[in-house]
Amino acid sequence: MFLDLWNDEAVTVEATTERVLRLLALLQRRPSWTAAELAAELGVTDRSVRRDVERLRALGYPVLATAGVGGGYQLGAGTRLPPLLLDDEEAIATAVSLRLASGGTVAGAGEAALRALTKLDQVMPPRLRAEVRAVHGATETLVGPGVQIDAELLVTLARACRDAVRVRFRYAGRDGGERERTVEPVRMVATSRRWYLMARDVDRDDWRTFRLDRMREVAATTWRFRAREHPDPVAYVQRSVTEAPYRYLARVRLHAPADRIRELVPPQVGRVEDDHDGWCVLVAGGDELDWLAVHVARLGFEAEVLEPPELRQAAALLARRLAAMAGTG
């Protein structure tokens, strides 16, 4: 008799736990549910839904409730991060992303990513663990030397972008001198090697790009600003990175599809514009014309120099040198 009661109680607890997990999955699926909708999905009464909501709250999940005819339940932000419930695809994507993040450019994030990956791997079902490890085993990450950025700096700037508040910091220019800047941040843009902030410089009343590794003493203010129309952050940063810092700016027509050239030229190196009749235009900056000529030639496509004229002269000189090396000059 006692054993039968024990087994019945165990079955009840297991069924309740499974139902609570299903409730959590539903709440994560969309922003809001009514009690009647949840009860119908779970096959229980409204009263059972209320009890299960209290169980989730006891576990640390901030389930918010609104009263009235249109009221319902939704997940909110709490004081701590409760356990997450992931489906198979989400678990695999998270594990792979954490593996890639372990070698990233955010200071301290690599160690944190490895700790999170260890926890996830520990509780992951064997079938999913095998899939994740198969992806890891078949993948190598080619990462060039990058500049690590403090995670706290990223959080400060991200919050300032979200809350539309001005940021002050000291910034080291290319000449090595530091100046105080006050900006209205819009968006951060990451390349394979560096992080950039696109913002409106208050003193210069114009849009600017700032490298995060050159910022010092970064502080968000309480001064809110009104959002205004701005250039596309990715395009603006790419233009700034590939054009502004260099002595020469080259425009070269290439007899190749634009997407093919984009595969060969990283976005932080050059910008590719669509042209017509199977041609595209590569825009790239450099301090040495010889360097530009070599890299355009290495792409292996028919090319026409649009500007600057000096690049044609550098290409002609390079051709003579190569012909001499080949013994045909």
C-alpha atoms as a PDB file:
ATOM      1  CA  MET A   1       0.000   0.000   0.000  1.00  0.00           C
ATOM      2  CA  PHE A   2       2.746   2.421   1.029  1.00  0.00           C
ATOM      3  CA  LEU A   3       4.691   1.561  -2.127  1.00  0.00           C
ATOM      4  CA  ASP A   4       1.624   2.237  -4.291  1.00  0.00           C
ATOM      5  CA  LEU A   5       1.136   5.670  -2.676  1.00  0.00           C
ATOM      6  CA  TRP A   6       4.836   6.446  -3.156  1.00  0.00           C
ATOM      7  CA  ASN A   7       4.674   5.519  -6.860  1.00  0.00           C
ATOM      8  CA  ASP A   8       1.486   7.573  -7.369  1.00  0.00           C
ATOM      9  CA  GLU A   9       3.130  10.583  -5.739  1.00  0.00           C
ATOM     10  CA  ALA A  10       6.221  10.202  -7.942  1.00  0.00           C
ATOM     11  CA  VAL A  11       4.083  10.062 -11.070  1.00  0.00           C
ATOM     12  CA  THR A  12       2.189  13.185  -9.971  1.00  0.00           C
ATOM     13  CA  VAL A  13       5.401  15.135  -9.332  1.00  0.00           C
ATOM     14  CA  GLU A  14       6.831  14.045 -12.676  1.00  0.00           C
ATOM     15  CA  ALA A  15       3.657  15.076 -14.498  1.00  0.00           C
ATOM     16  CA  THR A  16       3.637  18.451 -12.748  1.00  0.00           C
ATOM     17  CA  THR A  17       7.303  19.057 -13.583  1.00  0.00           C
ATOM     18  CA  GLU A  18       6.708  18.210 -17.225  1.00  0.00           C
ATOM     19  CA  ARG A  19       3.699  20.539 -17.340  1.00  0.00           C
ATOM     20  CA  VAL A  20       5.642  23.404 -15.753  1.00  0.00           C
ATOM     21  CA  LEU A  21       8.391  22.981 -18.347  1.00  0.00           C
ATOM     22  CA  ARG A  22       5.777  23.025 -21.115  1.00  0.00           C
ATOM     23  CA  LEU A  23       4.338  26.204 -19.592  1.00  0.00           C
ATOM     24  CA  LEU A  24       7.784  27.801 -19.615  1.00  0.00           C
ATOM     25  CA  ALA A  25       8.275  26.838 -23.267  1.00  0.00           C
ATOM     26  CA  LEU A  26       4.940  28.449 -24.164  1.00  0.00           C
ATOM     27  CA  LEU A  27       5.798  31.673 -22.349  1.00  0.00           C
ATOM     28  CA  GLN A  28       9.111  31.844 -24.196  1.00  0.00           C
ATOM     29  CA  ARG A  29       7.414  31.254 -27.532  1.00  0.00           C
ATOM     30  CA  ARG A  30       5.466  34.527 -27.730  1.00  0.00           C
ATOM     31  CA  PRO A  31       5.153  37.769 -25.677  1.00  0.00           C
ATOM     32  CA  SER A  32       1.752  37.219 -23.999  1.00  0.00           C
ATOM     33  CA  TRP A  33      -0.801  34.503 -23.247  1.00  0.00           C
ATOM     34  CA  THR A  34      -4.201  34.571 -21.578  1.00  0.00           C
ATOM     35  CA  ALA A  35      -4.887  32.061 -18.804  1.00  0.00           C
ATOM     36  CA  ALA A  36      -7.534  30.394 -20.977  1.00  0.00           C
ATOM     37  CA  GLU A  37      -5.081  29.966 -23.858  1.00  0.00           C
ATOM     38  CA  LEU A  38      -2.460  28.407 -21.588  1.00  0.00           C
ATOM     39  CA  ALA A  39      -5.027  26.121 -19.977  1.00  0.00           C
ATOM     40  CA  ALA A  40      -6.167  24.928 -23.408  1.00  0.00           C
ATOM     41  CA  GLU A  41      -2.586  24.279 -24.559  1.00  0.00           C
ATOM     42  CA  LEU A  42      -1.737  22.357 -21.379  1.00  0.00           C
ATOM     43  CA  GLY A  43      -5.072  20.582 -21.010  1.00  0.00           C
ATOM     44  CA  VAL A  44      -5.620  21.817 -17.442  1.00  0.00           C
ATOM     45  CA  THR A  45      -7.809  24.337 -15.607  1.00  0.00           C
ATOM     46  CA  ASP A  46      -7.102  28.040 -15.114  1.00  0.00           C
ATOM     47  CA  ARG A  47      -6.431  27.287 -11.454  1.00  0.00           C
ATOM     48  CA  SER A  48      -3.699  24.801 -12.405  1.00  0.00           C
ATOM     49  CA  VAL A  49      -2.144  27.430 -14.660  1.00  0.00           C
ATOM     50  CA  ARG A  50      -2.012  29.884 -11.733  1.00  0.00           C
ATOM     51  CA  ARG A  51      -0.337  27.266  -9.517  1.00  0.00           C
ATOM     52  CA  ASP A  52       2.223  26.438 -12.209  1.00  0.00           C
ATOM     53  CA  VAL A  53       2.969  30.146 -12.698  1.00  0.00           C
ATOM     54  CA  GLU A  54       3.719  30.370  -8.969  1.00  0.00           C
ATOM     55  CA  ARG A  55       6.068  27.388  -9.290  1.00  0.00           C
ATOM     56  CA  LEU A  56       7.955  29.175 -12.073  1.00  0.00           C
ATOM     57  CA  ARG A  57       8.219  32.314  -9.974  1.00  0.00           C
ATOM     58  CA  ALA A  58       9.633  30.273  -7.093  1.00  0.00           C
ATOM     59  CA  LEU A  59      12.344  29.052  -9.486  1.00  0.00           C
ATOM     60  CA  GLY A  60      13.269  32.630 -10.364  1.00  0.00           C
ATOM     61  CA  TYR A  61      11.307  33.164 -13.572  1.00  0.00           C
ATOM     62  CA  PRO A  62       9.733  36.665 -13.547  1.00  0.00           C
ATOM     63  CA  VAL A  63       6.251  35.813 -14.837  1.00  0.00           C
ATOM     64  CA  LEU A  64       4.172  38.996 -15.029  1.00  0.00           C
ATOM     65  CA  ALA A  65       0.390  38.941 -14.798  1.00  0.00           C
ATOM     66  CA  THR A  66      -2.178  41.541 -15.839  1.00  0.00           C
ATOM     67  CA  ALA A  67      -5.766  41.445 -14.603  1.00  0.00           C
ATOM     68  CA  GLY A  68      -8.964  42.060 -16.544  1.00  0.00           C
ATOM     69  CA  VAL A  69     -10.634  40.718 -19.660  1.00  0.00           C
ATOM     70  CA  GLY A  70      -7.548  41.274 -21.824  1.00  0.00           C
ATOM     71  CA  GLY A  71      -5.144  40.211 -19.090  1.00  0.00           C
ATOM     72  CA  GLY A  72      -2.661  37.398 -19.274  1.00  0.00           C
ATOM     73  CA  TYR A  73       0.856  36.200 -18.507  1.00  0.00           C
ATOM     74  CA  GLN A  74       4.245  37.074 -19.962  1.00  0.00           C
ATOM     75  CA  LEU A  75       7.897  36.645 -19.080  1.00  0.00           C
ATOM     76  CA  GLY A  76       9.638  39.765 -17.785  1.00  0.00           C
ATOM     77  CA  ALA A  77      13.100  40.773 -16.641  1.00  0.00           C
ATOM     78  CA  GLY A  78      14.093  39.730 -13.134  1.00  0.00           C
ATOM     79  CA  THR A  79      16.894  40.382 -10.667  1.00  0.00           C
ATOM     80  CA  ARG A  80      18.793  37.276 -11.738  1.00  0.00           C
ATOM     81  CA  LEU A  81      19.009  35.053 -14.783  1.00  0.00           C
ATOM     82  CA  PRO A  82      16.961  31.863 -14.336  1.00  0.00           C
ATOM     83  CA  PRO A  83      17.679  28.640 -16.229  1.00  0.00           C
ATOM     84  CA  LEU A  84      16.775  28.763 -19.915  1.00  0.00           C
ATOM     85  CA  LEU A  85      14.719  26.198 -21.761  1.00  0.00           C
ATOM     86  CA  LEU A  86      16.113  25.530 -25.239  1.00  0.00           C
ATOM     87  CA  ASP A  87      14.792  23.337 -28.014  1.00  0.00           C
ATOM     88  CA  ASP A  88      17.152  21.130 -30.033  1.00  0.00           C
ATOM     89  CA  GLU A  89      17.987  23.718 -32.710  1.00  0.00           C
ATOM     90  CA  GLU A  90      18.510  26.483 -30.128  1.00  0.00           C
ATOM     91  CA  ALA A  91      20.799  24.260 -28.028  1.00  0.00           C
ATOM     92  CA  ILE A  92      22.981  23.359 -31.015  1.00  0.00           C
ATOM     93  CA  ALA A  93      23.162  26.982 -32.211  1.00  0.00           C
ATOM     94  CA  THR A  94      24.041  28.192 -28.696  1.00  0.00           C
ATOM     95  CA  ALA A  95      26.769  25.590 -28.229  1.00  0.00           C
ATOM     96  CA  VAL A  96      28.382  26.337 -31.602  1.00  0.00           C
ATOM     97  CA  SER A  97      28.200  30.102 -30.960  1.00  0.00           C
ATOM     98  CA  LEU A  98      29.808  29.711 -27.538  1.00  0.00           C
ATOM     99  CA  ARG A  99      32.623  27.708 -29.090  1.00  0.00           C
ATOM    100  CA  LEU A 100      33.272  30.474 -31.620  1.00  0.00           C
ATOM    101  CA  ALA A 101      32.999  33.157 -28.918  1.00  0.00           C
ATOM    102  CA  SER A 102      35.727  31.457 -26.888  1.00  0.00           C
ATOM    103  CA  GLY A 103      38.233  32.827 -29.408  1.00  0.00           C
ATOM    104  CA  GLY A 104      36.684  36.240 -29.904  1.00  0.00           C
ATOM    105  CA  THR A 105      37.884  39.819 -29.453  1.00  0.00           C
ATOM    106  CA  VAL A 106      35.954  40.659 -26.266  1.00  0.00           C
ATOM    107  CA  ALA A 107      38.278  40.590 -23.256  1.00  0.00           C
ATOM    108  CA  GLY A 108      37.188  37.958 -20.727  1.00  0.00           C
ATOM    109  CA  ALA A 109      34.429  36.648 -22.984  1.00  0.00           C
ATOM    110  CA  GLY A 110      36.476  33.641 -24.054  1.00  0.00           C
ATOM    111  CA  GLU A 111      36.726  32.256 -20.521  1.00  0.00           C
ATOM    112  CA  ALA A 112      33.062  33.020 -19.798  1.00  0.00           C
ATOM    113  CA  ALA A 113      32.022  31.344 -23.059  1.00  0.00           C
ATOM    114  CA  LEU A 114      33.979  28.218 -22.156  1.00  0.00           C
ATOM    115  CA  ARG A 115      32.335  28.079 -18.713  1.00  0.00           C
ATOM    116  CA  ALA A 116      28.874  28.417 -20.278  1.00  0.00           C
ATOM    117  CA  LEU A 117      29.733  25.801 -22.913  1.00  0.00           C
ATOM    118  CA  THR A 118      30.847  23.379 -20.183  1.00  0.00           C
ATOM    119  CA  LYS A 119      27.557  23.818 -18.330  1.00  0.00           C
ATOM    120  CA  LEU A 120      25.523  23.345 -21.495  1.00  0.00           C
ATOM    121  CA  ASP A 121      27.504  20.274 -22.527  1.00  0.00           C
ATOM    122  CA  GLN A 122      26.973  18.717 -19.102  1.00  0.00           C
ATOM    123  CA  VAL A 123      23.166  18.736 -19.342  1.00  0.00           C
ATOM    124  CA  MET A 124      22.801  18.276 -23.098  1.00  0.00           C
ATOM    125  CA  PRO A 125      21.250  14.976 -24.269  1.00  0.00           C
ATOM    126  CA  PRO A 126      23.809  12.576 -25.795  1.00  0.00           C
ATOM    127  CA  ARG A 127      22.265  12.822 -29.276  1.00  0.00           C
ATOM    128  CA  LEU A 128      22.615  16.642 -29.303  1.00  0.00           C
ATOM    129  CA  ARG A 129      26.073  16.493 -27.753  1.00  0.00           C
ATOM    130  CA  ALA A 130      27.185  14.214 -30.572  1.00  0.00           C
ATOM    131  CA  GLU A 131      25.845  16.635 -33.193  1.00  0.00           C
ATOM    132  CA  VAL A 132      27.579  19.632 -31.607  1.00  0.00           C
ATOM    133  CA  ARG A 133      30.872  17.791 -31.313  1.00  0.00           C
ATOM    134  CA  ALA A 134      30.585  16.713 -34.943  1.00  0.00           C
ATOM    135  CA  VAL A 135      30.265  20.371 -35.965  1.00  0.00           C
ATOM    136  CA  HIS A 136      33.223  21.324 -33.749  1.00  0.00           C
ATOM    137  CA  GLY A 137      35.333  18.476 -35.086  1.00  0.00           C
ATOM    138  CA  ALA A 138      34.695  19.457 -38.681  1.00  0.00           C
ATOM    139  CA  THR A 139      35.272  23.186 -38.190  1.00  0.00           C
ATOM    140  CA  GLU A 140      38.422  25.268 -37.869  1.00  0.00           C
ATOM    141  CA  THR A 141      38.311  28.980 -37.125  1.00  0.00           C
ATOM    142  CA  LEU A 142      40.710  31.230 -38.998  1.00  0.00           C
ATOM    143  CA  VAL A 143      40.996  34.400 -36.945  1.00  0.00           C
ATOM    144  CA  GLY A 144      43.565  37.080 -37.614  1.00  0.00           C
ATOM    145  CA  PRO A 145      45.213  39.127 -34.870  1.00  0.00           C
ATOM    146  CA  GLY A 146      42.616  41.374 -33.300  1.00  0.00           C
ATOM    147  CA  VAL A 147      42.354  43.932 -30.522  1.00  0.00           C
ATOM    148  CA  GLN A 148      40.559  42.786 -27.387  1.00  0.00           C
ATOM    149  CA  ILE A 149      37.836  45.061 -26.018  1.00  0.00           C
ATOM    150  CA  ASP A 150      36.724  45.150 -22.401  1.00  0.00           C
ATOM    151  CA  ALA A 151      33.234  43.682 -22.049  1.00  0.00           C
ATOM    152  CA  GLU A 152      32.198  46.459 -19.638  1.00  0.00           C
ATOM    153  CA  LEU A 153      32.929  49.040 -22.336  1.00  0.00           C
ATOM    154  CA  LEU A 154      30.677  47.182 -24.765  1.00  0.00           C
ATOM    155  CA  VAL A 155      27.859  47.092 -22.203  1.00  0.00           C
ATOM    156  CA  THR A 156      28.225  50.818 -21.437  1.00  0.00           C
ATOM    157  CA  LEU A 157      28.059  51.781 -25.110  1.00  0.00           C
ATOM    158  CA  ALA A 158      25.247  49.328 -25.870  1.00  0.00           C
ATOM    159  CA  ARG A 159      23.106  50.792 -23.094  1.00  0.00           C
ATOM    160  CA  ALA A 160      23.850  54.315 -24.278  1.00  0.00           C
ATOM    161  CA  CYS A 161      22.760  53.385 -27.809  1.00  0.00           C
ATOM    162  CA  ARG A 162      19.603  51.787 -26.471  1.00  0.00           C
ATOM    163  CA  ASP A 163      18.699  54.598 -24.047  1.00  0.00           C
ATOM    164  CA  ALA A 164      19.777  57.447 -26.384  1.00  0.00           C
ATOM    165  CA  VAL A 165      22.093  59.134 -23.862  1.00  0.00           C
ATOM    166  CA  ARG A 166      25.287  61.033 -24.624  1.00  0.00           C
ATOM    167  CA  VAL A 167      28.681  59.489 -23.903  1.00  0.00           C
ATOM    168  CA  ARG A 168      31.932  61.235 -22.941  1.00  0.00           C
ATOM    169  CA  PHE A 169      35.395  59.731 -23.370  1.00  0.00           C
ATOM    170  CA  ARG A 170      38.995  60.539 -24.153  1.00  0.00           C
ATOM    171  CA  TYR A 171      40.003  59.484 -27.653  1.00  0.00           C
ATOM    172  CA  ALA A 172      43.475  58.859 -29.068  1.00  0.00           C
ATOM    173  CA  GLY A 173      43.755  60.140 -32.634  1.00  0.00           C
ATOM    174  CA  ARG A 174      46.086  58.842 -35.328  1.00  0.00           C
ATOM    175  CA  ASP A 175      48.619  61.507 -34.316  1.00  0.00           C
ATOM    176  CA  GLY A 176      48.770  59.999 -30.807  1.00  0.00           C
ATOM    177  CA  GLY A 177      47.163  62.967 -29.060  1.00  0.00           C
ATOM    178  CA  GLU A 178      44.145  62.458 -26.778  1.00  0.00           C
ATOM    179  CA  ARG A 179      41.092  64.722 -26.794  1.00  0.00           C
ATOM    180  CA  GLU A 180      37.827  64.629 -24.904  1.00  0.00           C
ATOM    181  CA  ARG A 181      34.830  63.817 -27.084  1.00  0.00           C
ATOM    182  CA  THR A 182      31.103  63.990 -26.423  1.00  0.00           C
ATOM    183  CA  VAL A 183      28.965  61.927 -28.765  1.00  0.00           C
ATOM    184  CA  GLU A 184      25.438  60.708 -29.364  1.00  0.00           C
ATOM    185  CA  PRO A 185      25.939  56.970 -30.068  1.00  0.00           C
ATOM    186  CA  VAL A 186      23.886  55.126 -32.660  1.00  0.00           C
ATOM    187  CA  ARG A 187      25.370  51.679 -33.233  1.00  0.00           C
ATOM    188  CA  MET A 188      28.475  49.548 -32.709  1.00  0.00           C
ATOM    189  CA  VAL A 189      29.913  47.701 -35.704  1.00  0.00           C
ATOM    190  CA  ALA A 190      32.337  44.784 -35.378  1.00  0.00           C
ATOM    191  CA  THR A 191      34.744  43.574 -38.044  1.00  0.00           C
ATOM    192  CA  SER A 192      36.940  40.489 -37.804  1.00  0.00           C
ATOM    193  CA  ARG A 193      39.660  42.535 -36.073  1.00  0.00           C
ATOM    194  CA  ARG A 194      38.173  45.643 -34.464  1.00  0.00           C
ATOM    195  CA  TRP A 195      35.087  47.254 -32.921  1.00  0.00           C
ATOM    196  CA  TYR A 196      33.806  50.655 -34.040  1.00  0.00           C
ATOM    197  CA  LEU A 197      31.193  53.084 -32.753  1.00  0.00           C
ATOM    198  CA  MET A 198      29.169  55.216 -35.145  1.00  0.00           C
ATOM    199  CA  ALA A 199      27.995  58.377 -33.397  1.00  0.00           C
ATOM    200  CA  ARG A 200      27.228  62.039 -33.897  1.00  0.00           C
ATOM    201  CA  ASP A 201      30.085  64.161 -32.594  1.00  0.00           C
ATOM    202  CA  VAL A 202      28.390  66.937 -30.611  1.00  0.00           C
ATOM    203  CA  ASP A 203      31.235  69.473 -30.915  1.00  0.00           C
ATOM    204  CA  ARG A 204      31.676  68.922 -34.664  1.00  0.00           C
ATOM    205  CA  ASP A 205      27.951  68.458 -35.331  1.00  0.00           C
ATOM    206  CA  ASP A 206      28.668  65.610 -37.747  1.00  0.00           C
ATOM    207  CA  TRP A 207      28.759  61.835 -37.894  1.00  0.00           C
ATOM    208  CA  ARG A 208      31.998  60.146 -36.896  1.00  0.00           C
ATOM    209  CA  THR A 209      33.490  56.659 -36.489  1.00  0.00           C
ATOM    210  CA  PHE A 210      35.455  55.798 -33.329  1.00  0.00           C
ATOM    211  CA  ARG A 211      37.602  52.747 -32.643  1.00  0.00           C
ATOM    212  CA  LEU A 212      36.722  51.270 -29.272  1.00  0.00           C
ATOM    213  CA  ASP A 213      40.329  50.311 -28.516  1.00  0.00           C
ATOM    214  CA  ARG A 214      41.297  54.020 -28.682  1.00  0.00           C
ATOM    215  CA  MET A 215      38.688  55.106 -26.100  1.00  0.00           C
ATOM    216  CA  ARG A 216      39.623  55.920 -22.506  1.00  0.00           C
ATOM    217  CA  GLU A 217      37.555  56.906 -19.456  1.00  0.00           C
ATOM    218  CA  VAL A 218      34.246  56.141 -21.162  1.00  0.00           C
ATOM    219  CA  ALA A 219      31.188  57.326 -19.220  1.00  0.00           C
ATOM    220  CA  ALA A 220      27.516  57.518 -20.122  1.00  0.00           C
ATOM    221  CA  THR A 221      25.883  60.805 -19.093  1.00  0.00           C
ATOM    222  CA  THR A 222      22.288  61.515 -18.067  1.00  0.00           C
ATOM    223  CA  TRP A 223      21.776  63.809 -21.067  1.00  0.00           C
ATOM    224  CA  ARG A 224      19.198  62.246 -23.356  1.00  0.00           C
ATOM    225  CA  PHE A 225      19.141  63.135 -27.030  1.00  0.00           C
ATOM    226  CA  ARG A 226      16.420  62.869 -29.618  1.00  0.00           C
ATOM    227  CA  ALA A 227      17.071  60.271 -32.287  1.00  0.00           C
ATOM    228  CA  ARG A 228      17.577  61.722 -35.753  1.00  0.00           C
ATOM    229  CA  GLU A 229      17.990  60.347 -39.243  1.00  0.00           C
ATOM    230  CA  HIS A 230      21.439  58.883 -39.715  1.00  0.00           C
ATOM    231  CA  PRO A 231      23.454  56.996 -42.330  1.00  0.00           C
ATOM    232  CA  ASP A 232      23.384  53.230 -42.376  1.00  0.00           C
ATOM    233  CA  PRO A 233      25.888  52.317 -39.612  1.00  0.00           C
ATOM    234  CA  VAL A 234      27.474  49.371 -41.403  1.00  0.00           C
ATOM    235  CA  ALA A 235      27.918  51.243 -44.692  1.00  0.00           C
ATOM    236  CA  TYR A 236      29.169  54.358 -42.904  1.00  0.00           C
ATOM    237  CA  VAL A 237      31.758  52.474 -40.847  1.00  0.00           C
ATOM    238  CA  GLN A 238      32.893  50.507 -43.875  1.00  0.00           C
ATOM    239  CA  ARG A 239      33.371  53.700 -45.856  1.00  0.00           C
ATOM    240  CA  SER A 240      35.296  55.301 -42.991  1.00  0.00           C
ATOM    241  CA  VAL A 241      37.535  52.285 -42.467  1.00  0.00           C
ATOM    242  CA  THR A 242      38.328  51.627 -46.129  1.00  0.00           C
ATOM    243  CA  GLU A 243      38.726  55.214 -47.325  1.00  0.00           C
ATOM    244  CA  ALA A 244      39.376  57.882 -44.716  1.00  0.00           C
ATOM    245  CA  PRO A 245      42.680  56.781 -43.121  1.00  0.00           C
ATOM    246  CA  TYR A 246      44.681  56.417 -46.344  1.00  0.00           C
ATOM    247  CA  ARG A 247      46.801  58.635 -48.561  1.00  0.00           C
ATOM    248  CA  TYR A 248      45.323  57.241 -51.779  1.00  0.00           C
ATOM    249  CA  LEU A 249      41.794  56.188 -52.642  1.00  0.00           C
ATOM    250  CA  ALA A 250      41.537  53.856 -55.623  1.00  0.00           C
ATOM    251  CA  ARG A 251      38.506  53.115 -57.780  1.00  0.00           C
ATOM    252  CA  VAL A 252      39.008  50.134 -60.092  1.00  0.00           C
ATOM    253  CA  ARG A 253      36.499  48.488 -62.449  1.00  0.00           C
ATOM    254  CA  LEU A 254      36.702  44.708 -62.427  1.00  0.00           C
ATOM    255  CA  HIS A 255      35.197  42.341 -64.973  1.00  0.00           C
ATOM    256  CA  ALA A 256      33.542  40.127 -62.372  1.00  0.00           C
ATOM    257  CA  PRO A 257      30.248  39.916 -60.458  1.00  0.00           C
ATOM    258  CA  ALA A 258      30.152  42.157 -57.397  1.00  0.00           C
ATOM    259  CA  ASP A 259      29.317  39.228 -55.097  1.00  0.00           C
ATOM    260  CA  ARG A 260      32.391  37.356 -56.319  1.00  0.00           C
ATOM    261  CA  ILE A 261      34.673  40.276 -55.440  1.00  0.00           C
ATOM    262  CA  ARG A 262      32.969  40.656 -52.045  1.00  0.00           C
ATOM    263  CA  GLU A 263      33.946  37.044 -51.351  1.00  0.00           C
ATOM    264  CA  LEU A 264      37.594  37.885 -52.059  1.00  0.00           C
ATOM    265  CA  VAL A 265      37.855  41.345 -50.455  1.00  0.00           C
ATOM    266  CA  PRO A 266      36.964  41.688 -46.750  1.00  0.00           C
ATOM    267  CA  PRO A 267      34.566  44.572 -45.988  1.00  0.00           C
ATOM    268  CA  GLN A 268      37.168  46.324 -43.821  1.00  0.00           C
ATOM    269  CA  VAL A 269      39.606  46.322 -46.773  1.00  0.00           C
ATOM    270  CA  GLY A 270      37.470  47.485 -49.683  1.00  0.00           C
ATOM    271  CA  ARG A 271      33.960  48.437 -50.750  1.00  0.00           C
ATOM    272  CA  VAL A 272      32.399  46.859 -53.837  1.00  0.00           C
ATOM    273  CA  GLU A 273      29.809  48.687 -55.938  1.00  0.00           C
ATOM    274  CA  ASP A 274      27.583  47.122 -58.578  1.00  0.00           C
ATOM    275  CA  ASP A 275      28.220  48.270 -62.158  1.00  0.00           C
ATOM    276  CA  HIS A 276      26.755  46.937 -65.422  1.00  0.00           C
ATOM    277  CA  ASP A 277      27.497  44.389 -68.134  1.00  0.00           C
ATOM    278  CA  GLY A 278      29.167  41.995 -65.712  1.00  0.00           C
ATOM    279  CA  TRP A 279      31.482  44.601 -64.182  1.00  0.00           C
ATOM    280  CA  CYS A 280      31.762  46.038 -60.674  1.00  0.00           C
ATOM    281  CA  VAL A 281      33.793  48.791 -59.010  1.00  0.00           C
ATOM    282  CA  LEU A 282      36.208  48.181 -56.146  1.00  0.00           C
ATOM    283  CA  VAL A 283      36.909  51.136 -53.852  1.00  0.00           C
ATOM    284  CA  ALA A 284      39.945  50.681 -51.596  1.00  0.00           C
ATOM    285  CA  GLY A 285      42.423  52.886 -49.825  1.00  0.00           C
ATOM    286  CA  GLY A 286      46.149  52.546 -49.309  1.00  0.00           C
ATOM    287  CA  ASP A 287      49.263  54.480 -48.450  1.00  0.00           C
ATOM    288  CA  GLU A 288      51.341  52.811 -51.183  1.00  0.00           C
ATOM    289  CA  LEU A 289      50.270  52.669 -54.833  1.00  0.00           C
ATOM    290  CA  ASP A 290      52.461  49.605 -55.442  1.00  0.00           C
ATOM    291  CA  TRP A 291      50.545  47.779 -52.706  1.00  0.00           C
ATOM    292  CA  LEU A 292      47.224  48.670 -54.296  1.00  0.00           C
ATOM    293  CA  ALA A 293      48.377  47.563 -57.755  1.00  0.00           C
ATOM    294  CA  VAL A 294      49.608  44.210 -56.448  1.00  0.00           C
ATOM    295  CA  HIS A 295      46.396  43.402 -54.609  1.00  0.00           C
ATOM    296  CA  VAL A 296      44.165  44.357 -57.534  1.00  0.00           C
ATOM    297  CA  ALA A 297      46.299  42.195 -59.851  1.00  0.00           C
ATOM    298  CA  ARG A 298      46.093  39.263 -57.423  1.00  0.00           C
ATOM    299  CA  LEU A 299      42.316  39.180 -57.764  1.00  0.00           C
ATOM    300  CA  GLY A 300      42.863  37.734 -61.217  1.00  0.00           C
ATOM    301  CA  PHE A 301      40.219  39.656 -63.177  1.00  0.00           C
ATOM    302  CA  GLU A 302      40.395  42.108 -66.054  1.00  0.00           C
ATOM    303  CA  ALA A 303      40.731  45.545 -64.469  1.00  0.00           C
ATOM    304  CA  GLU A 304      40.430  49.197 -65.465  1.00  0.00           C
ATOM    305  CA  VAL A 305      41.809  51.921 -63.206  1.00  0.00           C
ATOM    306  CA  LEU A 306      39.348  54.784 -62.818  1.00  0.00           C
ATOM    307  CA  GLU A 307      41.332  56.781 -60.279  1.00  0.00           C
ATOM    308  CA  PRO A 308      43.844  57.963 -59.301  1.00  0.00           C
ATOM    309  CA  PRO A 309      45.918  58.314 -62.493  1.00  0.00           C
ATOM    310  CA  GLU A 310      49.048  57.546 -60.476  1.00  0.00           C
ATOM    311  CA  LEU A 311      47.773  54.010 -59.937  1.00  0.00           C
ATOM    312  CA  ARG A 312      48.022  53.377 -63.697  1.00  0.00           C
ATOM    313  CA  GLN A 313      51.660  54.436 -63.602  1.00  0.00           C
ATOM    314  CA  ALA A 314      52.298  52.172 -60.588  1.00  0.00           C
ATOM    315  CA  ALA A 315      50.622  49.256 -62.404  1.00  0.00           C
ATOM    316  CA  ALA A 316      52.747  49.853 -65.532  1.00  0.00           C
ATOM    317  CA  LEU A 317      55.929  49.908 -63.446  1.00  0.00           C
ATOM    318  CA  LEU A 318      54.861  46.723 -61.684  1.00  0.00           C
ATOM    319  CA  ALA A 319      54.204  45.050 -65.052  1.00  0.00           C
ATOM    320  CA  ARG A 320      57.705  45.924 -66.284  1.00  0.00           C
ATOM    321  CA  ARG A 321      59.260  44.538 -63.096  1.00  0.00           C
ATOM    322  CA  LEU A 322      57.276  41.293 -63.376  1.00  0.00           C
ATOM    323  CA  ALA A 323      58.207  40.946 -67.041  1.00  0.00           C
ATOM    324  CA  ALA A 324      61.862  41.375 -66.119  1.00  0.00           C
ATOM    325  CA  MET A 325      61.539  38.733 -63.388  1.00  0.00           C
ATOM    326  CA  ALA A 326      60.002  36.369 -65.928  1.00  0.00           C
ATOM    327  CA  GLY A 327      62.821  37.049 -68.400  1.00  0.00           C
ATOM    328  CA  THR A 328      60.456  38.450 -71.024  1.00  0.00           C
ATOM    329  CA  GLY A 329      61.135  42.163 -70.547  1.00  0.00           C
END
